[in-house]
Amino acid sequence: MSVRTLRIPTRSVRMIERNAMAFRHNWMVIFSGFVEPVLYLLGIGFGIGSLVRTIPIGDGHTVSYAVFVAPALMASSAMNGAIYESTFNLFYKLRYARTFEAVISTPVGVEDATLGEVMWAIGRGSLYSVGFVIVMLALGLVASPWAILAVPASILVGFAFAALGAALTTFVRQWQDLDIIQLALQPMFLFSATFFPVTVYPPALRLLVEWTPLYRGIDLVRGLTTGGVGPGLLGDVAYLAVMGLIGVTIAALRLRSRLLK
């Protein structure tokens, strides 16, 4: 199916309104996902941070271990919020609630519904990011005025992973298949320079890690919050933006083919 069969989505906000109404009594479920990365920050950032005093971040600069870990957990929280919403919740809507079939029977089209779901997932990840940066400010873990851009950077991370999750979910056949996605996310979370610099890896493994999407998100947010701003961050932005656009396109094409038979 050609990409030209897709139309420009203009009613995506309707899907967001529908989800907001559906969740109006369950907001605590959404906010609960914010707690885990904060616990990681307090337990690892300050616990291990009491043993590991400083971490080099390039150009001869060093930061405390908590300052090093905090932006990585901020990017990870954006990823977790977006990917959960665009996989588990989206799969339920597709296979059990039949939400999309009901939605596309209205003037809201497949492209609108797809982009609306991605935007809703971005919103969930963004809530975590905003809350996390407030915690970072309160704990004195922001080392640069560039940190003001960390929230839009995290929104971009959420966009990339929400689109990826939506695209992958269109291939999922049963609940158990979602475990494969979680299996891929866990090592990405642990090894994407989240808790230690990527320079500790051998060159080949380091190259592999640097091409993972979470590493790109962490590198972007960490660069902004620690003041390590350079041309490389533009590469991170381009990587995440392209990944998001490709994911949205694949998801819309797959859902259009499936729902409009």
Protein backbone atom coordinates (compact mmCIF):
# COMPACT_ATOMS: atom_id res chain seq x y z
CA MET A 1 0.00 0.00 0.00
CA SER A 2 1.41 3.37 -0.99
CA VAL A 3 2.03 6.11 1.51
CA ARG A 4 -0.01 8.33 -0.82
CA THR A 5 -3.15 6.51 0.32
CA LEU A 6 -2.71 8.25 3.68
CA ARG A 7 -4.30 11.64 4.19
CA ILE A 8 -3.21 14.46 6.44
CA PRO A 9 -4.75 13.92 9.89
CA THR A 10 -6.77 16.97 10.96
CA ARG A 11 -9.02 15.48 13.65
CA SER A 12 -6.42 13.83 15.90
CA VAL A 13 -7.46 16.00 18.83
CA ARG A 14 -10.80 14.17 18.87
CA MET A 15 -9.02 10.95 19.78
CA ILE A 16 -7.21 12.77 22.59
CA GLU A 17 -10.54 14.11 23.89
CA ARG A 18 -11.99 10.59 23.80
CA ASN A 19 -9.06 9.18 25.80
CA ALA A 20 -9.20 12.03 28.32
CA MET A 21 -12.88 11.32 28.94
CA ALA A 22 -12.21 7.58 29.27
CA PHE A 23 -9.45 8.23 31.84
CA ARG A 24 -11.22 10.97 33.81
CA HIS A 25 -11.65 8.64 36.80
CA ASN A 26 -8.31 6.84 36.45
CA TRP A 27 -5.70 9.59 36.49
CA MET A 28 -3.85 7.97 39.39
CA VAL A 29 -3.06 5.00 37.15
CA ILE A 30 -1.24 7.33 34.78
CA PHE A 31 0.62 9.22 37.51
CA SER A 32 1.73 6.00 39.20
CA GLY A 33 4.31 5.42 36.46
CA PHE A 34 6.18 8.51 37.63
CA VAL A 35 7.15 6.93 40.96
CA GLU A 36 9.54 4.22 39.69
CA PRO A 37 12.17 6.48 38.05
CA VAL A 38 12.14 8.77 41.08
CA LEU A 39 12.88 5.78 43.31
CA TYR A 40 15.73 4.81 40.96
CA LEU A 41 17.09 8.34 41.26
CA LEU A 42 16.95 8.36 45.05
CA GLY A 43 18.22 4.81 45.47
CA ILE A 44 20.90 4.67 42.80
CA GLY A 45 21.65 8.32 42.09
CA PHE A 46 22.31 9.15 45.72
CA GLY A 47 23.05 5.67 47.07
CA ILE A 48 25.73 4.72 44.56
CA GLY A 49 26.49 8.41 44.22
CA SER A 50 27.85 8.36 47.74
CA LEU A 51 30.47 5.87 46.51
CA VAL A 52 31.06 7.27 42.99
CA ARG A 53 31.85 10.91 43.51
CA THR A 54 32.14 12.27 39.96
CA ILE A 55 31.62 11.11 36.37
CA PRO A 56 33.45 12.57 33.34
CA ILE A 57 31.14 13.93 30.64
CA GLY A 58 33.73 15.06 28.09
CA ASP A 59 35.99 18.06 27.49
CA GLY A 60 37.53 17.53 30.91
CA HIS A 61 34.29 18.31 32.73
CA THR A 62 32.88 16.16 35.51
CA VAL A 63 29.54 16.07 37.31
CA SER A 64 28.28 14.30 40.39
CA TYR A 65 26.89 10.83 39.89
CA ALA A 66 23.33 11.96 40.70
CA VAL A 67 23.56 14.75 38.11
CA PHE A 68 24.80 12.17 35.59
CA VAL A 69 22.00 9.66 36.27
CA ALA A 70 19.05 12.06 36.62
CA PRO A 71 18.69 13.08 32.93
CA ALA A 72 18.99 9.44 31.85
CA LEU A 73 16.11 8.52 34.14
CA MET A 74 14.14 11.50 32.85
CA ALA A 75 14.51 10.27 29.26
CA SER A 76 13.71 6.72 30.38
CA SER A 77 10.53 7.86 32.11
CA ALA A 78 9.40 9.56 28.89
CA MET A 79 10.11 6.31 27.04
CA ASN A 80 8.27 4.15 29.58
CA GLY A 81 5.16 6.32 29.66
CA ALA A 82 4.94 6.55 25.89
CA ILE A 83 5.73 2.91 25.12
CA TYR A 84 3.29 1.51 27.70
CA GLU A 85 0.44 3.64 26.39
CA SER A 86 1.17 2.78 22.74
CA THR A 87 1.57 -0.97 23.31
CA PHE A 88 -0.50 -2.47 26.14
CA ASN A 89 -3.30 0.09 26.07
CA LEU A 90 -3.36 0.36 22.28
CA PHE A 91 -3.44 -3.43 21.90
CA TYR A 92 -6.44 -3.62 24.24
CA LYS A 93 -8.24 -0.96 22.20
CA LEU A 94 -7.51 -2.79 18.95
CA ARG A 95 -8.21 -6.39 19.93
CA TYR A 96 -10.76 -6.23 22.74
CA ALA A 97 -12.47 -2.86 23.10
CA ARG A 98 -12.65 -2.42 19.31
CA THR A 99 -12.19 1.30 19.87
CA PHE A 100 -10.76 2.00 16.44
CA GLU A 101 -13.69 0.38 14.64
CA ALA A 102 -16.06 2.67 16.53
CA VAL A 103 -13.93 5.76 16.00
CA ILE A 104 -13.48 5.39 12.24
CA SER A 105 -17.25 5.01 11.79
CA THR A 106 -17.32 8.75 12.57
CA PRO A 107 -15.67 11.52 10.52
CA VAL A 108 -12.45 10.71 12.41
CA GLY A 109 -10.27 8.67 10.05
CA VAL A 110 -7.61 6.02 10.62
CA GLU A 111 -4.81 8.57 10.30
CA ASP A 112 -6.50 10.86 12.82
CA ALA A 113 -6.97 8.00 15.28
CA THR A 114 -3.39 6.77 14.85
CA LEU A 115 -1.80 10.18 15.35
CA GLY A 116 -4.21 10.90 18.20
CA GLU A 117 -3.11 7.72 19.99
CA VAL A 118 0.55 8.64 19.50
CA MET A 119 -0.09 12.15 20.80
CA TRP A 120 -1.92 10.73 23.83
CA ALA A 121 1.05 8.45 24.54
CA ILE A 122 3.40 11.42 24.17
CA GLY A 123 1.26 13.28 26.70
CA ARG A 124 1.67 10.51 29.25
CA GLY A 125 5.44 10.44 28.78
CA SER A 126 5.54 14.24 28.95
CA LEU A 127 3.74 14.27 32.30
CA TYR A 128 6.47 12.06 33.70
CA SER A 129 9.17 14.29 32.24
CA VAL A 130 7.73 17.51 33.64
CA GLY A 131 7.36 15.93 37.06
CA PHE A 132 10.88 14.55 36.89
CA VAL A 133 12.51 17.84 35.96
CA ILE A 134 10.72 19.47 38.92
CA VAL A 135 12.24 16.81 41.18
CA MET A 136 15.67 17.46 39.61
CA LEU A 137 15.35 21.19 40.26
CA ALA A 138 14.25 20.59 43.84
CA LEU A 139 17.25 18.30 44.47
CA GLY A 140 19.73 20.65 42.76
CA LEU A 141 20.53 18.22 39.94
CA VAL A 142 20.35 20.73 37.08
CA ALA A 143 23.78 21.99 36.07
CA SER A 144 22.97 24.19 33.07
CA PRO A 145 20.39 26.80 31.96
CA TRP A 146 20.03 24.69 28.78
CA ALA A 147 17.93 22.39 30.96
CA ILE A 148 14.92 24.52 30.00
CA LEU A 149 14.97 22.56 26.73
CA ALA A 150 15.05 19.19 28.49
CA VAL A 151 11.25 18.98 28.60
CA PRO A 152 10.76 19.46 24.82
CA ALA A 153 13.65 17.06 24.33
CA SER A 154 11.84 14.47 26.46
CA ILE A 155 8.66 15.10 24.47
CA LEU A 156 10.65 14.22 21.36
CA VAL A 157 11.84 11.04 23.07
CA GLY A 158 8.22 10.24 23.90
CA PHE A 159 7.20 10.85 20.28
CA ALA A 160 9.85 8.47 18.96
CA PHE A 161 8.91 5.66 21.34
CA ALA A 162 5.15 6.23 21.11
CA ALA A 163 5.36 5.92 17.33
CA LEU A 164 7.62 2.87 17.60
CA GLY A 165 5.25 1.24 20.07
CA ALA A 166 2.21 1.93 17.88
CA ALA A 167 3.95 0.46 14.83
CA LEU A 168 5.04 -2.67 16.72
CA THR A 169 1.59 -3.15 18.24
CA THR A 170 0.05 -3.50 14.79
CA PHE A 171 2.09 -6.73 14.44
CA VAL A 172 1.15 -8.11 17.87
CA ARG A 173 -1.21 -11.10 17.79
CA GLN A 174 -1.62 -11.89 21.50
CA TRP A 175 -0.78 -10.48 24.93
CA GLN A 176 2.29 -12.69 25.27
CA ASP A 177 3.88 -11.02 22.24
CA LEU A 178 4.09 -7.79 24.22
CA ASP A 179 6.60 -9.47 26.52
CA ILE A 180 9.06 -9.43 23.61
CA ILE A 181 8.85 -5.64 23.52
CA GLN A 182 9.50 -5.44 27.25
CA LEU A 183 12.38 -7.89 26.84
CA ALA A 184 14.00 -5.49 24.35
CA LEU A 185 13.37 -2.40 26.50
CA GLN A 186 14.96 -3.74 29.67
CA PRO A 187 18.53 -4.18 28.36
CA MET A 188 18.17 -0.90 26.47
CA PHE A 189 17.33 0.80 29.77
CA LEU A 190 20.26 -0.81 31.59
CA PHE A 191 22.99 -0.36 28.98
CA SER A 192 22.19 2.90 27.14
CA ALA A 193 24.64 4.90 29.29
CA THR A 194 21.91 5.19 31.90
CA PHE A 195 24.07 4.41 34.92
CA PHE A 196 27.60 4.62 33.52
CA PRO A 197 29.34 6.33 30.57
CA VAL A 198 29.24 4.66 27.18
CA THR A 199 33.04 4.95 27.06
CA VAL A 200 33.35 1.89 29.30
CA TYR A 201 32.32 -0.37 26.41
CA PRO A 202 34.66 -1.88 23.80
CA PRO A 203 34.51 0.08 20.50
CA ALA A 204 32.22 -2.38 18.66
CA LEU A 205 29.73 -2.61 21.51
CA ARG A 206 29.86 1.13 22.05
CA LEU A 207 28.92 1.71 18.40
CA LEU A 208 25.96 -0.64 18.78
CA VAL A 209 24.75 1.12 21.92
CA GLU A 210 25.09 4.55 20.32
CA TRP A 211 22.63 3.51 17.60
CA THR A 212 19.87 2.58 20.05
CA PRO A 213 17.02 5.10 20.37
CA LEU A 214 17.14 5.37 24.15
CA TYR A 215 20.84 6.21 24.09
CA ARG A 216 20.05 9.02 21.66
CA GLY A 217 17.36 10.32 23.99
CA ILE A 218 19.59 10.09 27.04
CA ASP A 219 22.48 11.79 25.25
CA LEU A 220 20.17 14.64 24.21
CA VAL A 221 18.61 15.23 27.64
CA ARG A 222 21.92 14.76 29.48
CA GLY A 223 23.68 17.21 27.19
CA LEU A 224 21.04 19.85 27.91
CA THR A 225 20.94 19.39 31.69
CA THR A 226 24.71 19.21 32.16
CA GLY A 227 25.68 21.90 29.66
CA GLY A 228 27.29 19.51 27.19
CA VAL A 229 25.67 21.24 24.23
CA GLY A 230 27.25 20.61 20.84
CA PRO A 231 26.50 19.68 17.22
CA GLY A 232 26.07 16.04 18.21
CA LEU A 233 22.76 16.88 19.88
CA LEU A 234 21.33 17.86 16.49
CA GLY A 235 22.07 14.32 15.35
CA ASP A 236 20.10 13.02 18.33
CA VAL A 237 17.16 15.27 17.42
CA ALA A 238 17.22 14.14 13.79
CA TYR A 239 17.44 10.46 14.77
CA LEU A 240 14.45 10.66 17.13
CA ALA A 241 12.34 12.78 14.78
CA VAL A 242 12.89 10.45 11.81
CA MET A 243 12.21 7.41 13.98
CA GLY A 244 8.92 8.94 15.12
CA LEU A 245 7.77 9.86 11.62
CA ILE A 246 8.58 6.40 10.29
CA GLY A 247 6.75 4.77 13.20
CA VAL A 248 3.59 6.87 12.73
CA THR A 249 3.57 6.15 9.00
CA ILE A 250 3.96 2.39 9.48
CA ALA A 251 1.28 2.31 12.16
CA ALA A 252 -1.19 4.30 10.03
CA LEU A 253 -0.58 2.15 6.96
CA ARG A 254 -0.96 -1.08 8.91
CA LEU A 255 -4.13 0.05 10.66
CA ARG A 256 -5.61 1.41 7.42
CA SER A 257 -4.98 -1.91 5.70
CA ARG A 258 -6.47 -3.81 8.64
CA LEU A 259 -9.52 -1.68 9.39
CA LEU A 260 -10.58 -0.56 5.90
CA LYS A 261 -10.93 -3.91 4.15
